[in-house]
């Protein structure tokens, strides 16, 4: 299965206000292995970036002055993601912006016409109800080192999210070099590296809970048609 872990950075929070995508970062995962076949572009938005957004990702209009526009790269981007499953944290945000960019580029299709979408925020909320499920919170919970993430960045966040997703969904396999750094002919060796999900917390019954359990088993032994099968186990 081919999956593309995707993140974007934007000029502001709402595409309905004309805000644009200024960075796209993608990490390819093929059959649960991170392949290294990434896709990364900075984009000229033709509008001023909100100061609040600059404080989040550090990308300025001056830096983007010579970068391509979304319409310049849309064909190669769609070719890269087509047929894959997009893995996105808070997918509604990024998909909304991508669909707006497609519309502004004159393309009468939506991202969902090219890919399926998996939202890791919805996945995390189901796995960890009532807890914070930001990318930073998930890294802490799953013991993933993200100390290098001082600012948001689309490719960096996609790389981190790939690790988070693979751990949340049951473990990871990675592409690594052999101990000598590869064979003489430069070939890379694929080695399965299993990363176990975070340990589950075990809460054991104590005190009144154990007494209530014993009383219920005694009731079952007296009133149940076949007695209490639990004691026979």
Protein backbone atom coordinates (compact mmCIF):
# COMPACT_ATOMS: atom_id res chain seq x y z
CA UNK A 1 0.00 0.00 0.00
CA UNK A 2 1.35 3.43 -0.95
CA UNK A 3 0.74 6.23 1.54
CA UNK A 4 1.83 9.86 1.41
CA UNK A 5 2.24 11.64 4.74
CA UNK A 6 1.49 15.28 3.92
CA UNK A 7 1.64 18.67 5.60
CA UNK A 8 1.35 22.26 4.39
CA UNK A 9 2.26 25.69 5.67
CA UNK A 10 0.10 28.65 4.69
CA UNK A 11 -0.07 32.45 4.73
CA UNK A 12 -2.92 32.36 7.26
CA UNK A 13 -5.67 30.26 8.74
CA UNK A 14 -8.55 30.56 6.24
CA UNK A 15 -8.44 29.84 2.51
CA UNK A 16 -11.87 31.46 2.33
CA UNK A 17 -10.06 34.74 3.10
CA UNK A 18 -7.71 34.18 0.18
CA UNK A 19 -4.85 32.69 2.15
CA UNK A 20 -2.51 30.44 0.18
CA UNK A 21 -0.22 27.44 0.59
CA UNK A 22 3.46 28.42 0.80
CA UNK A 23 5.03 25.03 1.56
CA UNK A 24 4.12 21.42 0.75
CA UNK A 25 6.00 18.54 2.36
CA UNK A 26 5.35 14.87 1.60
CA UNK A 27 6.92 11.63 2.85
CA UNK A 28 6.28 8.40 0.95
CA UNK A 29 5.47 5.25 2.92
CA UNK A 30 5.31 2.05 0.89
CA UNK A 31 4.11 -1.12 2.63
CA UNK A 32 4.90 0.55 5.98
CA UNK A 33 8.44 1.49 5.02
CA UNK A 34 9.57 5.10 4.72
CA UNK A 35 11.21 5.11 1.29
CA UNK A 36 13.01 8.45 1.17
CA UNK A 37 11.09 9.40 -1.99
CA UNK A 38 9.89 12.71 -0.56
CA UNK A 39 8.25 15.70 -2.27
CA UNK A 40 8.96 19.23 -1.05
CA UNK A 41 8.18 22.66 -2.50
CA UNK A 42 8.14 26.24 -1.29
CA UNK A 43 5.58 28.35 -3.14
CA UNK A 44 5.15 32.05 -3.98
CA UNK A 45 1.71 33.05 -2.66
CA UNK A 46 1.30 36.46 -4.36
CA UNK A 47 0.05 37.92 -1.10
CA UNK A 48 1.42 39.07 2.25
CA UNK A 49 1.92 36.37 4.89
CA UNK A 50 0.18 37.07 8.20
CA UNK A 51 2.66 37.96 10.94
CA UNK A 52 1.10 35.34 13.20
CA UNK A 53 1.81 32.69 10.56
CA UNK A 54 5.42 33.84 10.18
CA UNK A 55 5.88 33.37 13.92
CA UNK A 56 4.68 29.76 13.57
CA UNK A 57 6.70 28.63 10.55
CA UNK A 58 9.33 31.35 10.03
CA UNK A 59 8.71 31.62 6.27
CA UNK A 60 8.80 35.18 4.90
CA UNK A 61 7.67 36.83 1.68
CA UNK A 62 11.30 37.74 0.97
CA UNK A 63 12.32 34.07 1.11
CA UNK A 64 9.49 33.08 -1.26
CA UNK A 65 10.06 35.85 -3.82
CA UNK A 66 11.79 33.59 -6.36
CA UNK A 67 9.80 30.40 -5.67
CA UNK A 68 7.31 28.83 -8.12
CA UNK A 69 3.56 29.28 -7.79
CA UNK A 70 1.19 26.39 -7.06
CA UNK A 71 0.01 26.37 -10.67
CA UNK A 72 3.61 25.84 -11.81
CA UNK A 73 3.98 22.60 -9.84
CA UNK A 74 0.42 21.28 -9.70
CA UNK A 75 0.90 18.65 -12.41
CA UNK A 76 3.99 17.11 -10.80
CA UNK A 77 2.37 17.27 -7.36
CA UNK A 78 -0.78 15.48 -8.51
CA UNK A 79 1.30 12.90 -10.35
CA UNK A 80 3.24 12.24 -7.14
CA UNK A 81 0.19 11.74 -4.90
CA UNK A 82 -2.26 10.13 -7.35
CA UNK A 83 -3.60 6.76 -6.24
CA UNK A 84 -2.07 6.97 -2.76
CA UNK A 85 -3.66 7.37 0.64
CA UNK A 86 -2.88 10.78 2.12
CA UNK A 87 -2.04 10.69 5.84
CA UNK A 88 -2.62 14.14 7.35
CA UNK A 89 -2.93 15.51 10.89
CA UNK A 90 -6.10 17.62 11.02
CA UNK A 91 -6.85 16.73 7.41
CA UNK A 92 -9.73 19.18 6.99
CA UNK A 93 -7.30 22.11 7.17
CA UNK A 94 -4.78 20.89 4.57
CA UNK A 95 -7.37 19.33 2.24
CA UNK A 96 -9.39 22.53 2.33
CA UNK A 97 -6.36 24.56 1.26
CA UNK A 98 -5.33 22.04 -1.40
CA UNK A 99 -8.82 22.04 -2.91
CA UNK A 100 -8.83 25.85 -2.92
CA UNK A 101 -5.47 25.86 -4.71
CA UNK A 102 -6.75 23.38 -7.29
CA UNK A 103 -9.75 25.61 -7.89
CA UNK A 104 -7.59 28.72 -8.29
CA UNK A 105 -5.37 26.78 -10.71
CA UNK A 106 -8.43 26.10 -12.90
CA UNK A 107 -8.65 22.39 -12.07
CA UNK A 108 -12.21 21.15 -11.73
CA UNK A 109 -11.35 18.29 -9.37
CA UNK A 110 -10.76 17.83 -5.68
CA UNK A 111 -7.88 16.10 -3.88
CA UNK A 112 -10.35 13.35 -2.94
CA UNK A 113 -10.66 12.57 -6.66
CA UNK A 114 -6.97 11.64 -6.72
CA UNK A 115 -6.46 10.08 -3.27
CA UNK A 116 -8.12 8.73 -0.20
CA UNK A 117 -7.45 10.63 3.03
CA UNK A 118 -6.68 9.38 6.55
CA UNK A 119 -6.86 11.93 9.38
CA UNK A 120 -4.40 11.08 12.15
CA UNK A 121 -6.01 13.66 14.47
CA UNK A 122 -9.31 11.75 14.32
CA UNK A 123 -7.35 8.51 14.77
CA UNK A 124 -5.54 9.90 17.84
CA UNK A 125 -8.75 11.22 19.40
CA UNK A 126 -10.25 7.74 19.14
CA UNK A 127 -7.16 6.11 20.63
CA UNK A 128 -6.55 8.71 23.35
CA UNK A 129 -9.94 10.26 24.21
CA UNK A 130 -9.89 13.32 26.43
CA UNK A 131 -6.15 13.90 25.94
CA UNK A 132 -4.18 16.48 23.98
CA UNK A 133 -3.48 15.12 20.52
CA UNK A 134 -1.29 17.75 18.91
CA UNK A 135 1.74 16.47 17.02
CA UNK A 136 4.00 17.55 19.90
CA UNK A 137 1.77 15.80 22.46
CA UNK A 138 1.76 12.59 20.41
CA UNK A 139 5.56 12.68 20.09
CA UNK A 140 5.84 12.91 23.88
CA UNK A 141 3.29 10.13 24.40
CA UNK A 142 4.97 7.81 21.89
CA UNK A 143 8.54 8.70 22.94
CA UNK A 144 9.49 10.25 19.57
CA UNK A 145 12.31 12.79 19.70
CA UNK A 146 11.17 16.07 18.14
CA UNK A 147 13.63 18.39 19.87
CA UNK A 148 14.71 19.70 16.44
CA UNK A 149 11.19 21.03 15.80
CA UNK A 150 11.62 24.63 16.96
CA UNK A 151 9.35 25.97 14.17
CA UNK A 152 6.67 24.29 12.08
CA UNK A 153 7.80 23.12 8.65
CA UNK A 154 5.82 21.07 6.15
CA UNK A 155 8.51 18.50 5.35
CA UNK A 156 9.81 18.27 8.91
CA UNK A 157 6.29 17.84 10.28
CA UNK A 158 5.55 15.17 7.66
CA UNK A 159 8.67 13.26 8.67
CA UNK A 160 7.64 13.39 12.32
CA UNK A 161 4.03 12.51 11.52
CA UNK A 162 5.17 9.47 9.52
CA UNK A 163 6.82 8.08 12.68
CA UNK A 164 3.80 8.99 14.80
CA UNK A 165 1.35 7.34 12.41
CA UNK A 166 3.35 4.13 12.03
CA UNK A 167 3.63 3.78 15.80
CA UNK A 168 -0.06 4.51 16.37
CA UNK A 169 -1.03 1.98 13.73
CA UNK A 170 1.04 -0.87 15.13
CA UNK A 171 4.77 -0.53 14.53
CA UNK A 172 7.19 0.56 11.87
CA UNK A 173 9.63 -0.82 9.36
CA UNK A 174 12.42 1.43 8.13
CA UNK A 175 14.96 1.49 5.31
CA UNK A 176 18.47 1.49 6.80
CA UNK A 177 22.05 1.00 5.59
CA UNK A 178 24.14 -1.91 6.73
CA UNK A 179 26.67 -1.34 9.48
CA UNK A 180 29.46 -0.64 6.98
CA UNK A 181 27.44 2.06 5.29
CA UNK A 182 26.37 -0.01 2.30
CA UNK A 183 27.97 -2.49 -0.09
CA UNK A 184 30.88 -1.63 -2.38
CA UNK A 185 28.56 -1.08 -5.35
CA UNK A 186 26.53 1.47 -3.40
CA UNK A 187 23.42 -0.66 -2.99
CA UNK A 188 21.29 -0.05 0.07
CA UNK A 189 20.13 -2.95 2.19
CA UNK A 190 16.52 -2.99 3.37
CA UNK A 191 16.34 -4.20 6.95
CA UNK A 192 13.14 -4.56 8.91
CA UNK A 193 13.36 -2.58 12.13
CA UNK A 194 10.34 -3.25 14.28
CA UNK A 195 9.32 -0.42 16.57
CA UNK A 196 6.82 -1.48 19.18
CA UNK A 197 3.86 0.72 20.08
CA UNK A 198 3.91 2.56 23.38
CA UNK A 199 3.35 0.29 26.38
CA UNK A 200 -0.18 0.09 27.69
CA UNK A 201 -0.79 1.22 31.25
CA UNK A 202 -2.15 -1.60 33.43
CA UNK A 203 -4.56 -0.57 36.20
CA UNK A 204 -5.27 -3.38 38.68
CA UNK A 205 -8.38 -3.66 40.86
CA UNK A 206 -7.84 -3.15 44.58
CA UNK A 207 -9.70 -2.99 47.89
CA UNK A 208 -13.46 -2.47 47.54
CA UNK A 209 -13.34 -3.35 43.85
CA UNK A 210 -11.96 -6.82 44.61
CA UNK A 211 -14.52 -7.32 47.39
CA UNK A 212 -17.38 -6.33 45.07
CA UNK A 213 -16.05 -8.70 42.40
CA UNK A 214 -15.88 -11.60 44.88
CA UNK A 215 -19.44 -10.90 46.08
CA UNK A 216 -20.72 -10.94 42.50
CA UNK A 217 -19.02 -14.28 41.81
CA UNK A 218 -20.62 -15.71 44.94
CA UNK A 219 -24.03 -14.51 43.72
CA UNK A 220 -23.46 -16.14 40.34
CA UNK A 221 -22.46 -19.41 42.04
CA UNK A 222 -25.78 -19.48 43.94
CA UNK A 223 -28.15 -18.22 41.24
CA UNK A 224 -26.59 -19.07 37.91
CA UNK A 225 -27.97 -22.02 35.98
CA UNK A 226 -24.48 -23.50 35.66
CA UNK A 227 -22.99 -21.98 38.80
CA UNK A 228 -20.00 -19.68 38.40
CA UNK A 229 -17.81 -20.72 35.49
CA UNK A 230 -15.22 -18.08 36.36
CA UNK A 231 -13.98 -20.12 39.36
CA UNK A 232 -13.57 -23.16 37.11
CA UNK A 233 -11.32 -21.35 34.66
